[in-house]
């Protein structure tokens, strides 16, 4: 099994300096990685990318980053002898957009989730490249790798990240499901469908997007499944004592019980999501 790597990079140029806003023209000044297998941070300068980093990325079990699918990996394209689309990626930005409907900076996500932000800005790294200060670029890049790793670890442990609302100081939860979830999404969907077909009540460990003050967003619920319409299913929640709609991708674990149920004849699926 390959390594699980956290990745971030700094560029030589900004978009205003290249034609057509093409990431592959920006050039790499430094790539920082963290290896979970070796518990070590490392930095690679441009001269080392093709000879030392390319094969390591290709052999990785998973590449973890923030906005790496749309930025970091396209920037790396000229240095790699294979398509970046073949690399296994977990992009934290994608979870943010899926749940909030808009993009968020690494600094804003870290401030809301971890209580601290970035040590500098990308503009600093661009200036340092022109000044030949690769020591400062490397330190800054690895700081961002560490911040990304800590966000990933927080999401893995708690099943959520946080963001501050654009319309006030309210904290918004971002449910996340990293590969360490108890069951993979495919297995959960299959077990849910089988329980529905056999009319067996399910016990689910579920992560709610919104909860009452003082409640944990993650709790075990028993549910009679009335309808499945991906990405949702609907049924009677015995915890809430009411009909509820759930997102399938927020189920962390599922266990069918031997409790049978019947669907009320007057049941009509709703469009209200929890």
Protein backbone atom coordinates (compact mmCIF):
# COMPACT_ATOMS: atom_id res chain seq x y z
CA UNK A 1 0.00 0.00 0.00
CA UNK A 2 1.31 3.44 -0.92
CA UNK A 3 1.80 6.48 1.25
CA UNK A 4 -0.88 8.92 2.29
CA UNK A 5 0.56 12.36 1.51
CA UNK A 6 -0.55 15.92 2.28
CA UNK A 7 0.58 18.32 -0.46
CA UNK A 8 0.87 22.05 -1.05
CA UNK A 9 3.01 24.10 -3.39
CA UNK A 10 4.19 27.63 -4.14
CA UNK A 11 4.58 29.08 -7.62
CA UNK A 12 7.14 31.27 -9.37
CA UNK A 13 4.56 33.53 -11.00
CA UNK A 14 1.01 34.75 -10.40
CA UNK A 15 -1.83 34.50 -12.91
CA UNK A 16 -1.39 38.15 -13.98
CA UNK A 17 2.07 37.22 -15.30
CA UNK A 18 0.99 34.37 -17.61
CA UNK A 19 -1.28 34.17 -20.62
CA UNK A 20 -4.81 32.78 -20.29
CA UNK A 21 -4.73 32.12 -16.52
CA UNK A 22 -3.22 28.70 -17.17
CA UNK A 23 -1.90 27.05 -13.98
CA UNK A 24 0.61 24.95 -15.91
CA UNK A 25 2.46 28.16 -16.87
CA UNK A 26 2.98 29.39 -13.31
CA UNK A 27 6.04 27.27 -12.53
CA UNK A 28 6.86 25.64 -9.20
CA UNK A 29 9.18 27.19 -6.64
CA UNK A 30 8.56 24.63 -3.89
CA UNK A 31 6.39 21.59 -3.16
CA UNK A 32 5.82 20.61 0.46
CA UNK A 33 4.51 17.23 1.59
CA UNK A 34 3.74 15.39 4.79
CA UNK A 35 3.94 11.59 4.85
CA UNK A 36 1.67 9.80 7.33
CA UNK A 37 3.71 6.65 6.82
CA UNK A 38 6.99 8.33 7.78
CA UNK A 39 5.51 11.07 10.02
CA UNK A 40 7.76 13.56 8.29
CA UNK A 41 7.56 16.88 6.41
CA UNK A 42 9.69 17.33 3.28
CA UNK A 43 10.21 20.05 0.69
CA UNK A 44 11.12 19.69 -2.99
CA UNK A 45 12.48 22.49 -5.16
CA UNK A 46 11.83 22.67 -8.90
CA UNK A 47 14.97 20.73 -9.88
CA UNK A 48 13.87 17.72 -7.80
CA UNK A 49 10.29 17.38 -9.02
CA UNK A 50 10.72 15.11 -12.05
CA UNK A 51 13.54 13.01 -10.60
CA UNK A 52 12.40 12.57 -6.99
CA UNK A 53 8.79 13.64 -6.42
CA UNK A 54 6.97 12.40 -9.53
CA UNK A 55 7.34 8.68 -8.78
CA UNK A 56 6.43 9.22 -5.13
CA UNK A 57 3.18 10.94 -6.04
CA UNK A 58 2.31 8.23 -8.56
CA UNK A 59 2.82 5.50 -5.95
CA UNK A 60 0.79 7.30 -3.26
CA UNK A 61 -2.36 5.74 -1.84
CA UNK A 62 -3.93 9.19 -1.48
CA UNK A 63 -2.97 12.83 -2.02
CA UNK A 64 -4.62 15.22 0.43
CA UNK A 65 -4.75 18.95 -0.14
CA UNK A 66 -6.76 22.14 -0.31
CA UNK A 67 -7.86 23.11 -3.83
CA UNK A 68 -5.21 20.78 -5.26
CA UNK A 69 -7.43 19.37 -8.00
CA UNK A 70 -7.99 22.79 -9.60
CA UNK A 71 -4.68 24.43 -8.74
CA UNK A 72 -1.71 22.49 -7.32
CA UNK A 73 -1.93 19.44 -9.59
CA UNK A 74 -2.46 21.48 -12.80
CA UNK A 75 0.60 23.57 -11.81
CA UNK A 76 2.58 20.32 -11.48
CA UNK A 77 1.49 19.03 -14.90
CA UNK A 78 4.68 20.03 -16.82
CA UNK A 79 6.87 18.21 -14.29
CA UNK A 80 5.07 14.85 -14.28
CA UNK A 81 5.37 12.11 -16.95
CA UNK A 82 1.75 11.00 -16.42
CA UNK A 83 -1.67 12.72 -16.35
CA UNK A 84 -2.47 14.28 -12.96
CA UNK A 85 -6.04 12.98 -13.38
CA UNK A 86 -4.71 9.47 -12.60
CA UNK A 87 -3.68 10.48 -9.07
CA UNK A 88 -5.97 9.57 -6.11
CA UNK A 89 -7.04 12.88 -4.56
CA UNK A 90 -8.93 14.07 -1.48
CA UNK A 91 -9.55 17.80 -1.94
CA UNK A 92 -10.82 19.55 1.19
CA UNK A 93 -12.06 22.47 -0.92
CA UNK A 94 -14.53 20.14 -2.66
CA UNK A 95 -16.17 19.29 0.69
CA UNK A 96 -16.46 23.01 1.45
CA UNK A 97 -18.14 23.83 -1.87
CA UNK A 98 -20.45 20.80 -1.67
CA UNK A 99 -21.79 21.89 1.72
CA UNK A 100 -21.58 25.70 1.61
CA UNK A 101 -22.19 26.29 -2.09
CA UNK A 102 -19.19 28.60 -2.36
CA UNK A 103 -15.42 28.55 -2.08
CA UNK A 104 -13.47 29.45 1.05
CA UNK A 105 -9.83 30.27 1.69
CA UNK A 106 -7.55 27.93 3.62
CA UNK A 107 -6.98 30.72 6.13
CA UNK A 108 -10.72 31.25 6.76
CA UNK A 109 -11.38 27.53 7.16
CA UNK A 110 -8.45 27.10 9.55
CA UNK A 111 -9.41 30.15 11.62
CA UNK A 112 -12.96 28.86 12.11
CA UNK A 113 -11.96 25.23 12.71
CA UNK A 114 -8.57 25.34 14.43
CA UNK A 115 -8.54 28.86 15.88
CA UNK A 116 -5.43 29.87 13.94
CA UNK A 117 -4.60 30.72 10.34
CA UNK A 118 -1.81 30.91 7.80
CA UNK A 119 1.65 32.22 8.63
CA UNK A 120 1.80 34.45 5.53
CA UNK A 121 0.39 34.89 2.04
CA UNK A 122 1.08 33.63 -1.44
CA UNK A 123 2.23 37.13 -2.42
CA UNK A 124 5.02 36.84 0.15
CA UNK A 125 6.16 33.57 -1.47
CA UNK A 126 6.17 35.19 -4.94
CA UNK A 127 8.34 38.04 -3.65
CA UNK A 128 10.69 35.63 -1.92
CA UNK A 129 11.13 33.68 -5.16
CA UNK A 130 12.24 36.83 -6.97
CA UNK A 131 14.65 37.50 -4.09
CA UNK A 132 15.98 33.94 -4.12
CA UNK A 133 14.85 33.33 -0.51
CA UNK A 134 14.06 29.63 -0.84
CA UNK A 135 14.49 29.15 2.91
CA UNK A 136 11.50 31.42 3.55
CA UNK A 137 9.45 29.84 0.74
CA UNK A 138 10.10 26.36 2.10
CA UNK A 139 9.14 27.29 5.66
CA UNK A 140 5.94 29.01 4.48
CA UNK A 141 4.98 26.11 2.20
CA UNK A 142 5.46 23.55 4.95
CA UNK A 143 3.39 25.71 7.32
CA UNK A 144 0.52 25.42 4.83
CA UNK A 145 1.06 21.66 4.59
CA UNK A 146 0.84 21.43 8.37
CA UNK A 147 -2.35 23.52 8.44
CA UNK A 148 -3.92 21.33 5.74
CA UNK A 149 -2.90 18.17 7.62
CA UNK A 150 -4.44 19.47 10.85
CA UNK A 151 -7.71 20.28 9.05
CA UNK A 152 -7.77 16.77 7.59
CA UNK A 153 -7.02 15.22 10.99
CA UNK A 154 -9.73 17.34 12.65
CA UNK A 155 -12.28 16.26 10.05
CA UNK A 156 -11.22 12.64 10.43
CA UNK A 157 -11.66 12.77 14.21
CA UNK A 158 -14.81 14.90 14.47
CA UNK A 159 -16.58 14.34 11.14
CA UNK A 160 -16.88 18.05 10.47
CA UNK A 161 -15.05 21.32 9.85
CA UNK A 162 -16.29 24.86 10.50
CA UNK A 163 -16.69 28.05 8.54
CA UNK A 164 -17.81 31.53 9.57
CA UNK A 165 -20.94 32.76 7.82
CA UNK A 166 -20.42 35.48 5.22
CA UNK A 167 -23.44 37.26 6.72
CA UNK A 168 -22.34 37.39 10.35
CA UNK A 169 -20.28 35.70 13.02
CA UNK A 170 -22.30 32.46 13.08
CA UNK A 171 -20.26 29.28 12.74
CA UNK A 172 -21.43 26.87 10.06
CA UNK A 173 -20.73 23.14 10.19
CA UNK A 174 -19.24 21.38 7.17
CA UNK A 175 -19.80 17.61 7.47
CA UNK A 176 -16.87 15.66 6.04
CA UNK A 177 -16.27 12.00 5.38
CA UNK A 178 -12.64 11.08 4.90
CA UNK A 179 -11.63 7.54 3.84
CA UNK A 180 -11.36 6.44 7.49
CA UNK A 181 -15.15 6.43 7.85
CA UNK A 182 -16.41 3.18 9.36
CA UNK A 183 -17.91 1.98 6.08
CA UNK A 184 -17.43 3.23 2.56
CA UNK A 185 -20.29 5.07 0.87
CA UNK A 186 -21.03 2.21 -1.52
CA UNK A 187 -21.46 -0.33 1.28
CA UNK A 188 -23.72 2.06 3.20
CA UNK A 189 -25.94 2.64 0.16
CA UNK A 190 -26.24 -1.11 -0.49
CA UNK A 191 -27.12 -1.92 3.14
CA UNK A 192 -29.66 0.90 3.22
CA UNK A 193 -31.34 -0.37 0.04
CA UNK A 194 -31.44 -3.95 1.32
CA UNK A 195 -32.96 -2.89 4.65
CA UNK A 196 -35.58 -0.82 2.80
CA UNK A 197 -36.46 -3.74 0.53
CA UNK A 198 -36.89 -6.07 3.53
CA UNK A 199 -38.56 -3.37 5.67
CA UNK A 200 -35.99 -3.73 8.44
CA UNK A 201 -35.39 -0.78 10.73
CA UNK A 202 -31.82 0.54 10.53
CA UNK A 203 -29.55 1.91 13.23
CA UNK A 204 -27.41 4.66 11.75
CA UNK A 205 -24.57 6.75 13.11
CA UNK A 206 -25.45 10.05 11.50
CA UNK A 207 -23.85 13.48 11.28
CA UNK A 208 -26.44 16.26 11.15
CA UNK A 209 -25.63 19.54 9.45
CA UNK A 210 -27.67 21.55 11.95
CA UNK A 211 -28.49 20.70 15.57
CA UNK A 212 -30.06 22.40 18.56
CA UNK A 213 -27.79 24.25 20.96
CA UNK A 214 -25.90 21.87 23.21
CA UNK A 215 -26.58 18.78 21.06
CA UNK A 216 -23.87 16.74 19.40
CA UNK A 217 -24.14 16.73 15.58
CA UNK A 218 -23.13 13.05 15.55
CA UNK A 219 -25.49 10.55 17.13
CA UNK A 220 -26.96 7.09 16.66
CA UNK A 221 -30.57 6.99 15.42
CA UNK A 222 -33.04 4.22 14.64
CA UNK A 223 -34.94 4.89 11.42
CA UNK A 224 -37.73 3.17 9.48
CA UNK A 225 -36.82 3.81 5.85
CA UNK A 226 -39.83 4.93 3.78
CA UNK A 227 -38.18 6.11 0.55
CA UNK A 228 -34.73 6.36 -1.05
CA UNK A 229 -33.99 9.02 -3.64
CA UNK A 230 -30.23 9.49 -3.88
CA UNK A 231 -28.64 11.50 -2.31
CA UNK A 232 -31.45 11.41 0.29
CA UNK A 233 -33.57 8.86 2.08
CA UNK A 234 -36.66 9.55 4.14
CA UNK A 235 -38.23 7.73 7.03
CA UNK A 236 -39.49 7.78 10.58
CA UNK A 237 -36.76 8.80 13.04
CA UNK A 238 -37.35 7.17 16.43
CA UNK A 239 -35.06 9.72 18.09
CA UNK A 240 -37.06 12.71 16.83
CA UNK A 241 -40.35 10.79 16.86
CA UNK A 242 -41.14 12.28 13.49
CA UNK A 243 -40.66 11.93 9.76
CA UNK A 244 -37.22 13.09 8.65
CA UNK A 245 -35.15 13.26 5.48
CA UNK A 246 -31.44 12.35 5.67
CA UNK A 247 -28.48 12.66 3.33
CA UNK A 248 -26.99 9.26 2.58
CA UNK A 249 -23.45 10.68 2.48
CA UNK A 250 -23.77 11.84 6.11
CA UNK A 251 -24.20 8.28 7.39
CA UNK A 252 -20.97 7.25 9.09
CA UNK A 253 -22.09 3.70 9.89
CA UNK A 254 -25.24 1.61 9.45
CA UNK A 255 -26.56 -1.57 11.01
CA UNK A 256 -29.88 -3.23 10.06
CA UNK A 257 -31.89 -4.47 13.04
CA UNK A 258 -34.48 -7.24 13.22
CA UNK A 259 -37.25 -4.75 13.95
CA UNK A 260 -39.75 -4.76 11.09
CA UNK A 261 -42.00 -1.87 10.11
CA UNK A 262 -44.68 -0.93 7.62
CA UNK A 263 -44.89 2.24 5.56
CA UNK A 264 -48.07 4.22 6.34
CA UNK A 265 -50.47 4.12 3.39
CA UNK A 266 -50.82 7.92 3.47
CA UNK A 267 -47.06 8.53 3.32
CA UNK A 268 -46.03 11.05 0.67
CA UNK A 269 -42.30 11.81 0.19
CA UNK A 270 -41.36 15.38 1.04
CA UNK A 271 -38.61 17.65 -0.19
CA UNK A 272 -37.54 18.94 3.23
CA UNK A 273 -33.93 18.03 4.06
CA UNK A 274 -32.72 17.85 7.63
